[in-house]
N, C-alpha and C. Protein backbone atom coordinates (compact mmCIF):
# COMPACT_ATOMS: atom_id res chain seq x y z
N MET A 1 15.98 3.29 15.77
CA MET A 1 15.04 3.28 15.04
C MET A 1 13.95 4.00 15.54
N ILE A 2 13.33 4.57 14.89
CA ILE A 2 11.98 5.61 14.96
C ILE A 2 10.59 5.06 15.60
N SER A 3 10.19 5.16 16.77
CA SER A 3 8.91 4.45 16.54
C SER A 3 7.85 5.09 15.99
N GLU A 4 6.75 4.22 15.44
CA GLU A 4 5.49 4.73 15.10
C GLU A 4 4.88 5.93 15.59
N GLN A 5 5.11 6.14 17.23
CA GLN A 5 4.52 7.45 17.84
C GLN A 5 5.08 8.44 17.54
N GLU A 6 6.66 8.32 17.39
CA GLU A 6 7.51 9.49 17.28
C GLU A 6 7.19 9.99 15.92
N LEU A 7 7.08 8.94 14.82
CA LEU A 7 6.88 9.33 13.73
C LEU A 7 5.57 9.85 13.38
N ARG A 8 4.37 9.64 13.82
CA ARG A 8 3.14 10.41 14.16
C ARG A 8 3.30 11.84 14.52
N ARG A 9 4.11 11.99 15.67
CA ARG A 9 4.16 13.32 16.39
C ARG A 9 5.01 14.15 15.33
N LYS A 10 5.92 13.65 14.67
CA LYS A 10 6.71 14.83 13.51
C LYS A 10 5.76 15.24 12.62
N LEU A 11 4.93 14.07 11.98
CA LEU A 11 3.96 14.19 11.08
C LEU A 11 2.87 15.15 11.29
N ASP A 12 2.43 15.17 12.59
CA ASP A 12 1.39 16.10 13.13
C ASP A 12 2.21 17.63 13.11
N ALA A 13 3.52 17.64 13.56
CA ALA A 13 4.29 18.86 13.59
C ALA A 13 4.52 19.41 12.22
N LEU A 14 4.67 18.38 11.44
CA LEU A 14 4.76 19.38 10.09
C LEU A 14 3.39 19.67 9.37
N LYS A 15 2.49 19.18 9.41
CA LYS A 15 1.03 19.29 9.15
C LYS A 15 0.83 20.71 9.91
N ASP A 16 1.12 20.86 11.16
CA ASP A 16 0.93 22.12 11.76
C ASP A 16 1.65 23.49 11.23
N GLU A 17 3.04 22.83 10.81
CA GLU A 17 3.81 24.00 10.28
C GLU A 17 3.19 24.56 8.94
N LEU A 18 3.15 23.53 8.22
CA LEU A 18 2.02 23.80 7.01
C LEU A 18 0.89 24.37 7.02
N ASP A 19 0.00 24.24 7.97
CA ASP A 19 -1.26 25.13 8.11
C ASP A 19 -0.91 26.42 8.39
N ARG A 20 0.10 26.67 9.28
CA ARG A 20 0.73 27.81 9.33
C ARG A 20 1.06 28.78 8.46
N ALA A 21 1.98 28.01 7.57
CA ALA A 21 2.21 28.54 6.47
C ALA A 21 1.38 28.95 5.33
N ARG A 22 0.11 28.08 5.25
CA ARG A 22 -0.79 28.09 4.31
C ARG A 22 -1.54 29.59 4.75
N GLN A 23 -1.73 29.79 6.23
CA GLN A 23 -2.37 30.91 6.79
C GLN A 23 -1.55 32.26 6.63
N ALA A 24 -0.46 31.91 6.63
CA ALA A 24 0.49 33.30 6.42
C ALA A 24 0.33 33.91 4.90
N THR A 25 0.38 32.58 4.00
CA THR A 25 0.12 33.21 2.53
C THR A 25 -1.01 33.33 1.98
N SER A 26 -2.12 32.96 2.67
CA SER A 26 -3.28 33.46 2.19
C SER A 26 -3.86 34.56 1.43
N ASP A 27 -3.31 35.59 1.45
CA ASP A 27 -3.48 36.84 1.31
C ASP A 27 -2.52 37.29 -0.05
N ILE A 28 -1.44 36.61 -0.41
CA ILE A 28 -0.60 37.15 -1.20
C ILE A 28 -1.00 36.51 -2.65
N LYS A 29 -0.57 37.32 -3.39
CA LYS A 29 -0.84 37.10 -4.91
C LYS A 29 -0.17 35.55 -5.48
N VAL A 30 -0.77 35.06 -6.19
CA VAL A 30 -0.65 33.81 -6.81
C VAL A 30 0.92 33.62 -7.15
N ARG A 31 1.36 34.62 -7.85
CA ARG A 31 2.96 34.38 -8.30
C ARG A 31 3.89 34.44 -6.78
N GLU A 32 3.60 35.03 -5.96
CA GLU A 32 4.17 35.22 -4.91
C GLU A 32 3.90 34.11 -3.76
N SER A 33 2.61 33.50 -3.90
CA SER A 33 2.52 32.44 -3.02
C SER A 33 3.45 30.91 -3.92
N LEU A 34 3.57 31.09 -5.06
CA LEU A 34 4.26 29.71 -5.57
C LEU A 34 6.00 29.82 -5.09
N GLY A 35 6.43 30.92 -5.08
CA GLY A 35 7.70 31.17 -4.73
C GLY A 35 7.75 31.09 -2.94
N ALA A 36 6.70 31.57 -2.07
CA ALA A 36 6.61 31.18 -0.74
C ALA A 36 6.24 29.70 -0.73
N ALA A 37 5.85 28.67 -1.62
CA ALA A 37 5.49 27.82 -1.11
C ALA A 37 6.72 27.05 -1.57
N GLU A 38 7.51 27.51 -2.66
CA GLU A 38 8.68 26.67 -2.75
C GLU A 38 9.69 26.84 -1.70
N ALA A 39 9.53 27.71 -0.97
CA ALA A 39 10.55 28.19 0.01
C ALA A 39 10.12 27.09 1.38
N ILE A 40 8.59 27.34 1.48
CA ILE A 40 8.08 26.41 2.72
C ILE A 40 8.61 25.09 2.25
N VAL A 41 8.15 24.32 1.04
CA VAL A 41 8.48 23.05 1.05
C VAL A 41 10.04 22.83 1.23
N GLU A 42 10.70 23.70 0.81
CA GLU A 42 12.40 23.40 1.13
C GLU A 42 12.58 23.41 2.43
N GLU A 43 12.10 24.46 3.38
CA GLU A 43 12.23 24.54 4.69
C GLU A 43 11.70 23.33 5.39
N LEU A 44 10.59 22.70 5.11
CA LEU A 44 10.07 21.32 5.53
C LEU A 44 10.86 20.12 5.41
N ARG A 45 11.58 20.20 4.09
CA ARG A 45 12.21 19.04 3.54
C ARG A 45 13.67 19.27 4.45
N SER A 46 13.85 20.24 4.75
CA SER A 46 15.26 20.23 5.66
C SER A 46 15.22 19.98 7.25
N SER A 47 14.12 20.23 7.45
CA SER A 47 13.56 20.34 8.94
C SER A 47 13.24 18.79 9.43
N ALA A 48 12.87 18.49 8.08
CA ALA A 48 12.13 16.82 8.44
C ALA A 48 13.51 15.87 8.29
N GLY A 49 14.50 16.38 7.71
CA GLY A 49 15.75 15.59 7.57
C GLY A 49 15.62 14.66 6.13
N SER A 50 15.34 15.08 5.44
CA SER A 50 15.08 14.37 4.10
C SER A 50 16.11 14.71 3.09
N SER A 51 17.42 14.12 3.59
CA SER A 51 18.44 14.30 3.12
C SER A 51 18.57 13.30 1.92
N GLY A 52 17.64 12.57 1.48
CA GLY A 52 17.65 11.61 0.59
C GLY A 52 18.29 10.26 1.06
N LYS A 53 18.49 10.30 2.38
CA LYS A 53 18.76 8.75 2.67
C LYS A 53 18.10 7.88 2.67
N LYS A 54 18.62 6.66 2.06
CA LYS A 54 17.53 5.67 1.71
C LYS A 54 17.56 5.01 3.05
N HIS A 55 16.26 4.34 3.33
CA HIS A 55 16.02 3.62 4.40
C HIS A 55 15.74 2.12 4.41
N ASN A 56 16.14 1.32 5.41
CA ASN A 56 15.70 -0.03 4.98
C ASN A 56 14.56 -0.63 5.79
N ILE A 57 13.82 -1.59 5.10
CA ILE A 57 12.50 -1.85 5.20
C ILE A 57 12.49 -2.28 6.83
N MET A 58 13.70 -2.90 7.17
CA MET A 58 14.01 -3.42 8.58
C MET A 58 13.53 -2.58 9.80
N GLU A 59 14.00 -1.19 9.43
CA GLU A 59 13.71 -0.28 10.28
C GLU A 59 12.35 -0.23 11.01
N TRP A 60 11.24 -0.89 10.18
CA TRP A 60 10.05 -0.78 10.64
C TRP A 60 9.68 -2.20 11.44
N TRP A 61 10.64 -2.99 11.83
CA TRP A 61 10.49 -4.35 12.44
C TRP A 61 9.85 -4.04 13.83
N GLY A 62 8.91 -4.58 14.01
CA GLY A 62 8.29 -4.66 15.58
C GLY A 62 7.19 -3.39 15.35
N VAL A 63 7.11 -2.48 14.55
CA VAL A 63 6.29 -1.39 14.47
C VAL A 63 4.78 -1.88 14.31
N GLY A 64 3.67 -1.64 15.34
CA GLY A 64 2.31 -2.15 15.30
C GLY A 64 2.34 -3.53 15.95
N ALA A 65 3.11 -4.24 16.62
CA ALA A 65 3.36 -5.65 17.25
C ALA A 65 2.22 -5.45 18.25
N GLU A 66 2.06 -4.33 19.08
CA GLU A 66 1.15 -4.19 19.97
C GLU A 66 -0.31 -4.56 19.72
N PHE A 67 -0.66 -3.94 18.58
CA PHE A 67 -1.90 -4.04 17.83
C PHE A 67 -2.36 -6.10 17.36
N TRP A 68 -0.95 -6.30 17.10
CA TRP A 68 -1.24 -7.75 16.64
C TRP A 68 -1.17 -8.80 17.87
N ARG A 69 -0.63 -8.31 19.08
CA ARG A 69 -0.75 -9.14 20.45
C ARG A 69 -2.27 -9.22 20.93
N LYS A 70 -3.15 -8.38 20.59
CA LYS A 70 -4.37 -8.30 20.96
C LYS A 70 -5.46 -8.79 19.89
N MET A 71 -4.93 -9.26 18.87
CA MET A 71 -5.80 -9.93 17.54
C MET A 71 -5.45 -11.41 17.54
N ASP A 72 -6.31 -12.15 17.11
CA ASP A 72 -6.45 -13.50 16.62
C ASP A 72 -5.87 -13.38 15.28
N VAL A 73 -5.06 -13.56 14.77
CA VAL A 73 -4.57 -13.64 13.53
C VAL A 73 -5.26 -14.56 12.39
N ASP A 74 -5.73 -15.45 12.87
CA ASP A 74 -6.37 -16.40 11.83
C ASP A 74 -7.72 -15.70 11.76
N ASP A 75 -8.56 -15.43 12.77
CA ASP A 75 -9.83 -14.77 12.79
C ASP A 75 -9.79 -13.22 11.94
N TYR A 76 -8.62 -12.61 12.02
CA TYR A 76 -8.54 -11.53 11.01
C TYR A 76 -8.32 -11.78 9.86
N VAL A 77 -7.41 -12.97 9.40
CA VAL A 77 -7.45 -13.11 7.70
C VAL A 77 -8.47 -13.87 7.70
N ARG A 78 -9.59 -14.49 8.06
CA ARG A 78 -10.58 -15.30 7.88
C ARG A 78 -11.65 -14.08 7.33
N LYS A 79 -11.79 -13.13 8.27
CA LYS A 79 -12.68 -11.98 8.05
C LYS A 79 -12.45 -11.16 6.71
N GLU A 80 -10.69 -10.92 6.76
CA GLU A 80 -10.41 -10.41 5.31
C GLU A 80 -10.79 -10.93 4.09
N ARG A 81 -10.51 -12.18 4.32
CA ARG A 81 -11.00 -13.14 2.87
C ARG A 81 -12.17 -13.20 2.67
N ASP A 82 -13.33 -13.23 3.88
CA ASP A 82 -14.51 -13.16 3.58
C ASP A 82 -14.96 -11.82 2.89
N SER A 83 -14.44 -10.65 3.19
CA SER A 83 -14.76 -9.25 2.79
C SER A 83 -14.60 -9.32 1.26
N TRP A 84 -13.70 -10.21 0.68
CA TRP A 84 -13.30 -9.89 -0.70
C TRP A 84 -14.43 -10.44 -1.52
N ARG A 85 -15.34 -11.34 -0.94
CA ARG A 85 -16.27 -12.01 -1.55
C ARG A 85 -17.70 -10.95 -1.94
């Protein structure tokens, strides 16, 4: 199971890579940019491991548990319900 922190780290790395790619293609004509963008997306997909594998919701079991340990759940729910009014 991948931790929330590891997921955030990977997302940040992908964002950085995308920013570098945007900078590198900023001076290329539109048609060339589209081809480059398609190549970048394909590279990002392969480097992120998006092989189309389906994930199970249970992989998220326990993610955020440390947040709820510090929180009075009843108080949280009450405040949420009050905000709906």
